[in-house]
Amino acid sequence: MEQERKEDIIDKIYCIRQEDIEAESSKHRNELKTKLNTVQLEEIKEEIENKLVEKESNDKKKIIQQIEKLIENYEIQISYYSEKNYKQGFKDGLRLYNQCIKEE
């Protein structure tokens, strides 16, 4: 019975957090827009297809720089979401721990 009750608490926390995450995801995307570089993978592919054939040195450098910015975008996003999820996971864990202690 006690184990079942603790699992119910975990399910409730999960459902509440899932709703919160869905509500906040739009806000996070807007916040990230200001931090990300304005580079699209499709643009890079098009440039590679059109200009790499010509083997112009300046175009190659530009393409390489765009790829580096795209990679930087992914690193920024990963860092951002890792920090957000880590902090919230830690808070949820402490809440669950405190609730379990109170029930005992």
PDB file of N, CA and C in Angstrom:
ATOM      1  N   MET A   1       0.825  -1.196   0.000  1.00  0.00           N
ATOM      2  CA  MET A   1       0.000   0.000   0.000  1.00  0.00           C
ATOM      3  C   MET A   1       0.867   1.256   0.000  1.00  0.00           C
ATOM      4  N   GLU A   2       1.897   1.296   0.873  1.00  0.00           N
ATOM      5  CA  GLU A   2       2.763   2.476   0.981  1.00  0.00           C
ATOM      6  C   GLU A   2       3.545   2.692  -0.318  1.00  0.00           C
ATOM      7  N   GLN A   3       4.053   1.606  -0.906  1.00  0.00           N
ATOM      8  CA  GLN A   3       4.796   1.700  -2.168  1.00  0.00           C
ATOM      9  C   GLN A   3       3.883   2.231  -3.273  1.00  0.00           C
ATOM     10  N   GLU A   4       2.639   1.759  -3.280  1.00  0.00           N
ATOM     11  CA  GLU A   4       1.672   2.208  -4.288  1.00  0.00           C
ATOM     12  C   GLU A   4       1.403   3.702  -4.132  1.00  0.00           C
ATOM     13  N   ARG A   5       1.315   4.185  -2.923  1.00  0.00           N
ATOM     14  CA  ARG A   5       1.063   5.603  -2.659  1.00  0.00           C
ATOM     15  C   ARG A   5       2.239   6.454  -3.132  1.00  0.00           C
ATOM     16  N   LYS A   6       3.477   5.990  -2.878  1.00  0.00           N
ATOM     17  CA  LYS A   6       4.661   6.721  -3.336  1.00  0.00           C
ATOM     18  C   LYS A   6       4.711   6.772  -4.860  1.00  0.00           C
ATOM     19  N   GLU A   7       4.317   5.689  -5.514  1.00  0.00           N
ATOM     20  CA  GLU A   7       4.283   5.685  -6.976  1.00  0.00           C
ATOM     21  C   GLU A   7       3.240   6.662  -7.487  1.00  0.00           C
ATOM     22  N   ASP A   8       2.104   6.771  -6.791  1.00  0.00           N
ATOM     23  CA  ASP A   8       1.083   7.745  -7.173  1.00  0.00           C
ATOM     24  C   ASP A   8       1.625   9.166  -7.077  1.00  0.00           C
ATOM     25  N   ILE A   9       2.424   9.438  -6.056  1.00  0.00           N
ATOM     26  CA  ILE A   9       3.022  10.757  -5.885  1.00  0.00           C
ATOM     27  C   ILE A   9       3.962  11.049  -7.041  1.00  0.00           C
ATOM     28  N   ILE A  10       4.762  10.067  -7.416  1.00  0.00           N
ATOM     29  CA  ILE A  10       5.687  10.239  -8.535  1.00  0.00           C
ATOM     30  C   ILE A  10       4.905  10.507  -9.820  1.00  0.00           C
ATOM     31  N   ASP A  11       3.822   9.764 -10.048  1.00  0.00           N
ATOM     32  CA  ASP A  11       2.991   9.981 -11.238  1.00  0.00           C
ATOM     33  C   ASP A  11       2.400  11.388 -11.247  1.00  0.00           C
ATOM     34  N   LYS A  12       1.932  11.848 -10.106  1.00  0.00           N
ATOM     35  CA  LYS A  12       1.352  13.191 -10.028  1.00  0.00           C
ATOM     36  C   LYS A  12       2.405  14.260 -10.337  1.00  0.00           C
ATOM     37  N   ILE A  13       3.582  14.096  -9.755  1.00  0.00           N
ATOM     38  CA  ILE A  13       4.660  15.047 -10.015  1.00  0.00           C
ATOM     39  C   ILE A  13       5.004  15.043 -11.495  1.00  0.00           C
ATOM     40  N   TYR A  14       5.090  13.869 -12.077  1.00  0.00           N
ATOM     41  CA  TYR A  14       5.426  13.762 -13.498  1.00  0.00           C
ATOM     42  C   TYR A  14       4.382  14.477 -14.358  1.00  0.00           C
ATOM     43  N   CYS A  15       3.107  14.233 -14.087  1.00  0.00           N
ATOM     44  CA  CYS A  15       2.036  14.853 -14.884  1.00  0.00           C
ATOM     45  C   CYS A  15       2.048  16.365 -14.745  1.00  0.00           C
ATOM     46  N   ILE A  16       2.229  16.845 -13.540  1.00  0.00           N
ATOM     47  CA  ILE A  16       2.278  18.296 -13.316  1.00  0.00           C
ATOM     48  C   ILE A  16       3.476  18.894 -14.031  1.00  0.00           C
ATOM     49  N   ARG A  17       4.621  18.274 -13.910  1.00  0.00           N
ATOM     50  CA  ARG A  17       5.834  18.785 -14.572  1.00  0.00           C
ATOM     51  C   ARG A  17       5.681  18.745 -16.086  1.00  0.00           C
ATOM     52  N   GLN A  18       5.052  17.713 -16.597  1.00  0.00           N
ATOM     53  CA  GLN A  18       4.862  17.610 -18.039  1.00  0.00           C
ATOM     54  C   GLN A  18       4.003  18.781 -18.532  1.00  0.00           C
ATOM     55  N   GLU A  19       2.962  19.116 -17.808  1.00  0.00           N
ATOM     56  CA  GLU A  19       2.114  20.252 -18.180  1.00  0.00           C
ATOM     57  C   GLU A  19       2.903  21.561 -18.094  1.00  0.00           C
ATOM     58  N   ASP A  20       3.698  21.712 -17.042  1.00  0.00           N
ATOM     59  CA  ASP A  20       4.522  22.921 -16.894  1.00  0.00           C
ATOM     60  C   ASP A  20       5.518  23.061 -18.032  1.00  0.00           C
ATOM     61  N   ILE A  21       6.160  21.960 -18.386  1.00  0.00           N
ATOM     62  CA  ILE A  21       7.163  21.982 -19.452  1.00  0.00           C
ATOM     63  C   ILE A  21       6.519  22.375 -20.775  1.00  0.00           C
ATOM     64  N   GLU A  22       5.346  21.822 -21.055  1.00  0.00           N
ATOM     65  CA  GLU A  22       4.652  22.167 -22.289  1.00  0.00           C
ATOM     66  C   GLU A  22       4.285  23.648 -22.309  1.00  0.00           C
ATOM     67  N   ALA A  23       3.859  24.183 -21.178  1.00  0.00           N
ATOM     68  CA  ALA A  23       3.481  25.592 -21.109  1.00  0.00           C
ATOM     69  C   ALA A  23       4.692  26.507 -21.262  1.00  0.00           C
ATOM     70  N   GLU A  24       5.848  26.079 -20.765  1.00  0.00           N
ATOM     71  CA  GLU A  24       7.053  26.907 -20.805  1.00  0.00           C
ATOM     72  C   GLU A  24       7.855  26.772 -22.093  1.00  0.00           C
ATOM     73  N   SER A  25       7.604  25.741 -22.885  1.00  0.00           N
ATOM     74  CA  SER A  25       8.458  25.489 -24.043  1.00  0.00           C
ATOM     75  C   SER A  25       8.436  26.634 -25.044  1.00  0.00           C
ATOM     76  N   SER A  26       7.292  27.254 -25.233  1.00  0.00           N
ATOM     77  CA  SER A  26       7.201  28.397 -26.149  1.00  0.00           C
ATOM     78  C   SER A  26       8.049  29.554 -25.632  1.00  0.00           C
ATOM     79  N   LYS A  27       7.976  29.801 -24.347  1.00  0.00           N
ATOM     80  CA  LYS A  27       8.766  30.869 -23.728  1.00  0.00           C
ATOM     81  C   LYS A  27      10.263  30.608 -23.919  1.00  0.00           C
ATOM     82  N   HIS A  28      10.682  29.370 -23.735  1.00  0.00           N
ATOM     83  CA  HIS A  28      12.092  29.016 -23.875  1.00  0.00           C
ATOM     84  C   HIS A  28      12.566  29.168 -25.322  1.00  0.00           C
ATOM     85  N   ARG A  29      11.726  28.766 -26.265  1.00  0.00           N
ATOM     86  CA  ARG A  29      12.105  28.923 -27.681  1.00  0.00           C
ATOM     87  C   ARG A  29      12.321  30.390 -28.028  1.00  0.00           C
ATOM     88  N   ASN A  30      11.446  31.265 -27.527  1.00  0.00           N
ATOM     89  CA  ASN A  30      11.603  32.697 -27.791  1.00  0.00           C
ATOM     90  C   ASN A  30      12.868  33.248 -27.147  1.00  0.00           C
ATOM     91  N   GLU A  31      13.167  32.794 -25.948  1.00  0.00           N
ATOM     92  CA  GLU A  31      14.374  33.234 -25.264  1.00  0.00           C
ATOM     93  C   GLU A  31      15.626  32.778 -26.011  1.00  0.00           C
ATOM     94  N   LEU A  32      15.584  31.580 -26.543  1.00  0.00           N
ATOM     95  CA  LEU A  32      16.735  31.052 -27.283  1.00  0.00           C
ATOM     96  C   LEU A  32      16.948  31.773 -28.612  1.00  0.00           C
ATOM     97  N   LYS A  33      15.869  32.261 -29.222  1.00  0.00           N
ATOM     98  CA  LYS A  33      15.999  32.944 -30.507  1.00  0.00           C
ATOM     99  C   LYS A  33      17.006  34.083 -30.443  1.00  0.00           C
ATOM    100  N   THR A  34      17.044  34.788 -29.331  1.00  0.00           N
ATOM    101  CA  THR A  34      17.957  35.927 -29.204  1.00  0.00           C
ATOM    102  C   THR A  34      19.404  35.484 -29.038  1.00  0.00           C
ATOM    103  N   LYS A  35      19.614  34.242 -28.634  1.00  0.00           N
ATOM    104  CA  LYS A  35      20.966  33.751 -28.393  1.00  0.00           C
ATOM    105  C   LYS A  35      21.555  32.992 -29.577  1.00  0.00           C
ATOM    106  N   LEU A  36      20.693  32.543 -30.477  1.00  0.00           N
ATOM    107  CA  LEU A  36      21.149  31.696 -31.575  1.00  0.00           C
ATOM    108  C   LEU A  36      21.612  32.515 -32.771  1.00  0.00           C
ATOM    109  N   ASN A  37      22.528  31.947 -33.510  1.00  0.00           N
ATOM    110  CA  ASN A  37      22.990  32.561 -34.755  1.00  0.00           C
ATOM    111  C   ASN A  37      21.929  32.372 -35.833  1.00  0.00           C
ATOM    112  N   THR A  38      21.927  33.274 -36.805  1.00  0.00           N
ATOM    113  CA  THR A  38      20.933  33.183 -37.877  1.00  0.00           C
ATOM    114  C   THR A  38      21.491  32.361 -39.029  1.00  0.00           C
ATOM    115  N   VAL A  39      21.547  31.068 -38.817  1.00  0.00           N
ATOM    116  CA  VAL A  39      22.073  30.147 -39.824  1.00  0.00           C
ATOM    117  C   VAL A  39      21.123  28.961 -39.898  1.00  0.00           C
ATOM    118  N   GLN A  40      20.825  28.531 -41.114  1.00  0.00           N
ATOM    119  CA  GLN A  40      19.953  27.387 -41.327  1.00  0.00           C
ATOM    120  C   GLN A  40      20.721  26.302 -42.073  1.00  0.00           C
ATOM    121  N   LEU A  41      20.480  25.067 -41.714  1.00  0.00           N
ATOM    122  CA  LEU A  41      21.149  23.945 -42.365  1.00  0.00           C
ATOM    123  C   LEU A  41      20.844  23.925 -43.864  1.00  0.00           C
ATOM    124  N   GLU A  42      19.618  24.270 -44.217  1.00  0.00           N
ATOM    125  CA  GLU A  42      19.228  24.275 -45.626  1.00  0.00           C
ATOM    126  C   GLU A  42      20.068  25.266 -46.431  1.00  0.00           C
ATOM    127  N   GLU A  43      20.347  26.439 -45.843  1.00  0.00           N
ATOM    128  CA  GLU A  43      21.183  27.443 -46.519  1.00  0.00           C
ATOM    129  C   GLU A  43      22.592  26.906 -46.753  1.00  0.00           C
ATOM    130  N   ILE A  44      23.111  26.226 -45.778  1.00  0.00           N
ATOM    131  CA  ILE A  44      24.465  25.674 -45.893  1.00  0.00           C
ATOM    132  C   ILE A  44      24.503  24.613 -46.989  1.00  0.00           C
ATOM    133  N   LYS A  45      23.519  23.747 -47.006  1.00  0.00           N
ATOM    134  CA  LYS A  45      23.470  22.712 -48.038  1.00  0.00           C
ATOM    135  C   LYS A  45      23.420  23.341 -49.434  1.00  0.00           C
ATOM    136  N   GLU A  46      22.597  24.358 -49.578  1.00  0.00           N
ATOM    137  CA  GLU A  46      22.458  25.025 -50.876  1.00  0.00           C
ATOM    138  C   GLU A  46      23.776  25.657 -51.316  1.00  0.00           C
ATOM    139  N   GLU A  47      24.443  26.306 -50.378  1.00  0.00           N
ATOM    140  CA  GLU A  47      25.733  26.924 -50.714  1.00  0.00           C
ATOM    141  C   GLU A  47      26.773  25.882 -51.091  1.00  0.00           C
ATOM    142  N   ILE A  48      26.793  24.793 -50.370  1.00  0.00           N
ATOM    143  CA  ILE A  48      27.748  23.732 -50.685  1.00  0.00           C
ATOM    144  C   ILE A  48      27.486  23.202 -52.090  1.00  0.00           C
ATOM    145  N   GLU A  49      26.224  22.937 -52.378  1.00  0.00           N
ATOM    146  CA  GLU A  49      25.874  22.394 -53.688  1.00  0.00           C
ATOM    147  C   GLU A  49      26.211  23.374 -54.816  1.00  0.00           C
ATOM    148  N   ASN A  50      25.937  24.655 -54.603  1.00  0.00           N
ATOM    149  CA  ASN A  50      26.112  25.642 -55.665  1.00  0.00           C
ATOM    150  C   ASN A  50      27.543  26.169 -55.798  1.00  0.00           C
ATOM    151  N   LYS A  51      28.226  26.362 -54.686  1.00  0.00           N
ATOM    152  CA  LYS A  51      29.484  27.090 -54.747  1.00  0.00           C
ATOM    153  C   LYS A  51      30.722  26.247 -54.515  1.00  0.00           C
ATOM    154  N   LEU A  52      30.579  25.147 -53.863  1.00  0.00           N
ATOM    155  CA  LEU A  52      31.749  24.318 -53.623  1.00  0.00           C
ATOM    156  C   LEU A  52      32.250  23.714 -54.930  1.00  0.00           C
ATOM    157  N   VAL A  53      31.351  23.522 -55.842  1.00  0.00           N
ATOM    158  CA  VAL A  53      31.725  22.995 -57.150  1.00  0.00           C
ATOM    159  C   VAL A  53      32.687  23.958 -57.838  1.00  0.00           C
ATOM    160  N   GLU A  54      32.455  25.256 -57.632  1.00  0.00           N
ATOM    161  CA  GLU A  54      33.312  26.276 -58.237  1.00  0.00           C
ATOM    162  C   GLU A  54      34.674  26.359 -57.551  1.00  0.00           C
ATOM    163  N   LYS A  55      34.784  25.805 -56.385  1.00  0.00           N
ATOM    164  CA  LYS A  55      36.023  25.746 -55.617  1.00  0.00           C
ATOM    165  C   LYS A  55      36.613  27.130 -55.339  1.00  0.00           C
ATOM    166  N   GLU A  56      35.754  28.073 -55.022  1.00  0.00           N
ATOM    167  CA  GLU A  56      36.224  29.415 -54.656  1.00  0.00           C
ATOM    168  C   GLU A  56      36.601  29.401 -53.180  1.00  0.00           C
ATOM    169  N   SER A  57      37.790  29.833 -52.907  1.00  0.00           N
ATOM    170  CA  SER A  57      38.339  29.762 -51.556  1.00  0.00           C
ATOM    171  C   SER A  57      37.500  30.545 -50.543  1.00  0.00           C
ATOM    172  N   ASN A  58      37.066  31.747 -50.887  1.00  0.00           N
ATOM    173  CA  ASN A  58      36.274  32.557 -49.960  1.00  0.00           C
ATOM    174  C   ASN A  58      34.943  31.893 -49.631  1.00  0.00           C
ATOM    175  N   ASP A  59      34.339  31.263 -50.626  1.00  0.00           N
ATOM    176  CA  ASP A  59      33.074  30.575 -50.386  1.00  0.00           C
ATOM    177  C   ASP A  59      33.265  29.387 -49.452  1.00  0.00           C
ATOM    178  N   LYS A  60      34.342  28.686 -49.600  1.00  0.00           N
ATOM    179  CA  LYS A  60      34.629  27.557 -48.716  1.00  0.00           C
ATOM    180  C   LYS A  60      34.754  28.036 -47.273  1.00  0.00           C
ATOM    181  N   LYS A  61      35.462  29.145 -47.085  1.00  0.00           N
ATOM    182  CA  LYS A  61      35.635  29.685 -45.730  1.00  0.00           C
ATOM    183  C   LYS A  61      34.292  30.090 -45.142  1.00  0.00           C
ATOM    184  N   LYS A  62      33.448  30.712 -45.974  1.00  0.00           N
ATOM    185  CA  LYS A  62      32.133  31.136 -45.507  1.00  0.00           C
ATOM    186  C   LYS A  62      31.291  29.929 -45.087  1.00  0.00           C
ATOM    187  N   ILE A  63      31.333  28.880 -45.880  1.00  0.00           N
ATOM    188  CA  ILE A  63      30.573  27.668 -45.570  1.00  0.00           C
ATOM    189  C   ILE A  63      31.069  27.048 -44.264  1.00  0.00           C
ATOM    190  N   ILE A  64      32.355  26.996 -44.104  1.00  0.00           N
ATOM    191  CA  ILE A  64      32.928  26.441 -42.878  1.00  0.00           C
ATOM    192  C   ILE A  64      32.509  27.270 -41.665  1.00  0.00           C
ATOM    193  N   GLN A  65      32.510  28.583 -41.794  1.00  0.00           N
ATOM    194  CA  GLN A  65      32.091  29.451 -40.692  1.00  0.00           C
ATOM    195  C   GLN A  65      30.620  29.237 -40.348  1.00  0.00           C
ATOM    196  N   GLN A  66      29.786  29.059 -41.360  1.00  0.00           N
ATOM    197  CA  GLN A  66      28.370  28.806 -41.104  1.00  0.00           C
ATOM    198  C   GLN A  66      28.165  27.478 -40.384  1.00  0.00           C
ATOM    199  N   ILE A  67      28.905  26.483 -40.794  1.00  0.00           N
ATOM    200  CA  ILE A  67      28.804  25.178 -40.129  1.00  0.00           C
ATOM    201  C   ILE A  67      29.234  25.308 -38.666  1.00  0.00           C
ATOM    202  N   GLU A  68      30.288  26.061 -38.418  1.00  0.00           N
ATOM    203  CA  GLU A  68      30.738  26.269 -37.035  1.00  0.00           C
ATOM    204  C   GLU A  68      29.678  26.994 -36.214  1.00  0.00           C
ATOM    205  N   LYS A  69      28.991  27.965 -36.812  1.00  0.00           N
ATOM    206  CA  LYS A  69      27.914  28.665 -36.102  1.00  0.00           C
ATOM    207  C   LYS A  69      26.742  27.734 -35.826  1.00  0.00           C
ATOM    208  N   LEU A  70      26.434  26.857 -36.777  1.00  0.00           N
ATOM    209  CA  LEU A  70      25.360  25.897 -36.574  1.00  0.00           C
ATOM    210  C   LEU A  70      25.688  24.972 -35.407  1.00  0.00           C
ATOM    211  N   ILE A  71      26.908  24.507 -35.365  1.00  0.00           N
ATOM    212  CA  ILE A  71      27.347  23.667 -34.249  1.00  0.00           C
ATOM    213  C   ILE A  71      27.250  24.428 -32.932  1.00  0.00           C
ATOM    214  N   GLU A  72      27.656  25.697 -32.958  1.00  0.00           N
ATOM    215  CA  GLU A  72      27.562  26.531 -31.759  1.00  0.00           C
ATOM    216  C   GLU A  72      26.106  26.656 -31.305  1.00  0.00           C
ATOM    217  N   ASN A  73      25.174  26.780 -32.260  1.00  0.00           N
ATOM    218  CA  ASN A  73      23.753  26.838 -31.920  1.00  0.00           C
ATOM    219  C   ASN A  73      23.328  25.587 -31.147  1.00  0.00           C
ATOM    220  N   TYR A  74      23.733  24.422 -31.640  1.00  0.00           N
ATOM    221  CA  TYR A  74      23.377  23.182 -30.961  1.00  0.00           C
ATOM    222  C   TYR A  74      23.969  23.138 -29.550  1.00  0.00           C
ATOM    223  N   GLU A  75      25.184  23.589 -29.402  1.00  0.00           N
ATOM    224  CA  GLU A  75      25.816  23.605 -28.083  1.00  0.00           C
ATOM    225  C   GLU A  75      25.085  24.554 -27.133  1.00  0.00           C
ATOM    226  N   ILE A  76      24.661  25.709 -27.641  1.00  0.00           N
ATOM    227  CA  ILE A  76      23.907  26.662 -26.825  1.00  0.00           C
ATOM    228  C   ILE A  76      22.586  26.045 -26.380  1.00  0.00           C
ATOM    229  N   GLN A  77      21.895  25.396 -27.310  1.00  0.00           N
ATOM    230  CA  GLN A  77      20.613  24.782 -26.980  1.00  0.00           C
ATOM    231  C   GLN A  77      20.772  23.652 -25.975  1.00  0.00           C
ATOM    232  N   ILE A  78      21.748  22.809 -26.176  1.00  0.00           N
ATOM    233  CA  ILE A  78      21.972  21.694 -25.260  1.00  0.00           C
ATOM    234  C   ILE A  78      22.287  22.215 -23.861  1.00  0.00           C
ATOM    235  N   SER A  79      23.142  23.205 -23.782  1.00  0.00           N
ATOM    236  CA  SER A  79      23.510  23.781 -22.494  1.00  0.00           C
ATOM    237  C   SER A  79      22.298  24.398 -21.808  1.00  0.00           C
ATOM    238  N   TYR A  80      21.510  25.124 -22.563  1.00  0.00           N
ATOM    239  CA  TYR A  80      20.332  25.807 -22.027  1.00  0.00           C
ATOM    240  C   TYR A  80      19.345  24.792 -21.439  1.00  0.00           C
ATOM    241  N   TYR A  81      18.978  23.789 -22.236  1.00  0.00           N
ATOM    242  CA  TYR A  81      17.998  22.817 -21.767  1.00  0.00           C
ATOM    243  C   TYR A  81      18.554  21.921 -20.664  1.00  0.00           C
ATOM    244  N   SER A  82      19.820  21.593 -20.706  1.00  0.00           N
ATOM    245  CA  SER A  82      20.422  20.788 -19.642  1.00  0.00           C
ATOM    246  C   SER A  82      20.332  21.509 -18.307  1.00  0.00           C
ATOM    247  N   GLU A  83      20.648  22.799 -18.317  1.00  0.00           N
ATOM    248  CA  GLU A  83      20.586  23.579 -17.080  1.00  0.00           C
ATOM    249  C   GLU A  83      19.160  23.663 -16.560  1.00  0.00           C
ATOM    250  N   LYS A  84      18.203  23.962 -17.442  1.00  0.00           N
ATOM    251  CA  LYS A  84      16.803  24.064 -17.029  1.00  0.00           C
ATOM    252  C   LYS A  84      16.303  22.742 -16.460  1.00  0.00           C
ATOM    253  N   ASN A  85      16.565  21.642 -17.160  1.00  0.00           N
ATOM    254  CA  ASN A  85      16.069  20.344 -16.714  1.00  0.00           C
ATOM    255  C   ASN A  85      16.770  19.875 -15.445  1.00  0.00           C
ATOM    256  N   TYR A  86      18.046  20.147 -15.311  1.00  0.00           N
ATOM    257  CA  TYR A  86      18.778  19.739 -14.119  1.00  0.00           C
ATOM    258  C   TYR A  86      18.213  20.443 -12.888  1.00  0.00           C
ATOM    259  N   LYS A  87      18.046  21.748 -12.995  1.00  0.00           N
ATOM    260  CA  LYS A  87      17.530  22.507 -11.849  1.00  0.00           C
ATOM    261  C   LYS A  87      16.136  22.032 -11.452  1.00  0.00           C
ATOM    262  N   GLN A  88      15.264  21.837 -12.431  1.00  0.00           N
ATOM    263  CA  GLN A  88      13.903  21.417 -12.110  1.00  0.00           C
ATOM    264  C   GLN A  88      13.893  19.997 -11.571  1.00  0.00           C
ATOM    265  N   GLY A  89      14.704  19.114 -12.127  1.00  0.00           N
ATOM    266  CA  GLY A  89      14.777  17.748 -11.630  1.00  0.00           C
ATOM    267  C   GLY A  89      15.250  17.689 -10.191  1.00  0.00           C
ATOM    268  N   PHE A  90      16.215  18.533  -9.861  1.00  0.00           N
ATOM    269  CA  PHE A  90      16.720  18.593  -8.489  1.00  0.00           C
ATOM    270  C   PHE A  90      15.618  19.075  -7.548  1.00  0.00           C
ATOM    271  N   LYS A  91      14.891  20.112  -7.941  1.00  0.00           N
ATOM    272  CA  LYS A  91      13.794  20.623  -7.109  1.00  0.00           C
ATOM    273  C   LYS A  91      12.716  19.561  -6.911  1.00  0.00           C
ATOM    274  N   ASP A  92      12.362  18.878  -8.003  1.00  0.00           N
ATOM    275  CA  ASP A  92      11.334  17.835  -7.899  1.00  0.00           C
ATOM    276  C   ASP A  92      11.790  16.717  -6.981  1.00  0.00           C
ATOM    277  N   GLY A  93      13.063  16.356  -7.067  1.00  0.00           N
ATOM    278  CA  GLY A  93      13.596  15.306  -6.204  1.00  0.00           C
ATOM    279  C   GLY A  93      13.521  15.692  -4.731  1.00  0.00           C
ATOM    280  N   LEU A  94      13.873  16.935  -4.426  1.00  0.00           N
ATOM    281  CA  LEU A  94      13.788  17.399  -3.038  1.00  0.00           C
ATOM    282  C   LEU A  94      12.340  17.446  -2.546  1.00  0.00           C
ATOM    283  N   ARG A  95      11.430  17.883  -3.395  1.00  0.00           N
ATOM    284  CA  ARG A  95      10.012  17.902  -3.000  1.00  0.00           C
ATOM    285  C   ARG A  95       9.515  16.486  -2.704  1.00  0.00           C
ATOM    286  N   LEU A  96       9.873  15.553  -3.560  1.00  0.00           N
ATOM    287  CA  LEU A  96       9.464  14.169  -3.361  1.00  0.00           C
ATOM    288  C   LEU A  96      10.057  13.615  -2.072  1.00  0.00           C
ATOM    289  N   TYR A  97      11.326  13.893  -1.841  1.00  0.00           N
ATOM    290  CA  TYR A  97      11.997  13.445  -0.622  1.00  0.00           C
ATOM    291  C   TYR A  97      11.295  14.013   0.612  1.00  0.00           C
ATOM    292  N   ASN A  98      11.023  15.308   0.605  1.00  0.00           N
ATOM    293  CA  ASN A  98      10.357  15.946   1.754  1.00  0.00           C
ATOM    294  C   ASN A  98       8.961  15.379   1.968  1.00  0.00           C
ATOM    295  N   GLN A  99       8.251  15.128   0.888  1.00  0.00           N
ATOM    296  CA  GLN A  99       6.905  14.575   1.019  1.00  0.00           C
ATOM    297  C   GLN A  99       6.963  13.157   1.582  1.00  0.00           C
ATOM    298  N   CYS A 100       7.933  12.374   1.148  1.00  0.00           N
ATOM    299  CA  CYS A 100       8.051  10.999   1.663  1.00  0.00           C
ATOM    300  C   CYS A 100       8.400  11.008   3.148  1.00  0.00           C
ATOM    301  N   ILE A 101       9.262  11.930   3.559  1.00  0.00           N
ATOM    302  CA  ILE A 101       9.615  12.030   4.977  1.00  0.00           C
ATOM    303  C   ILE A 101       8.391  12.393   5.817  1.00  0.00           C
ATOM    304  N   LYS A 102       7.584  13.318   5.331  1.00  0.00           N
ATOM    305  CA  LYS A 102       6.383  13.738   6.066  1.00  0.00           C
ATOM    306  C   LYS A 102       5.395  12.595   6.224  1.00  0.00           C
ATOM    307  N   GLU A 103       5.318  11.707   5.225  1.00  0.00           N
ATOM    308  CA  GLU A 103       4.361  10.598   5.273  1.00  0.00           C
ATOM    309  C   GLU A 103       4.780   9.489   6.223  1.00  0.00           C
ATOM    310  N   GLU A 104       6.079   9.404   6.491  1.00  0.00           N
ATOM    311  CA  GLU A 104       6.548   8.318   7.355  1.00  0.00           C
ATOM    312  C   GLU A 104       6.238   8.591   8.756  1.00  0.00           C
TER     313      GLU A 104
END
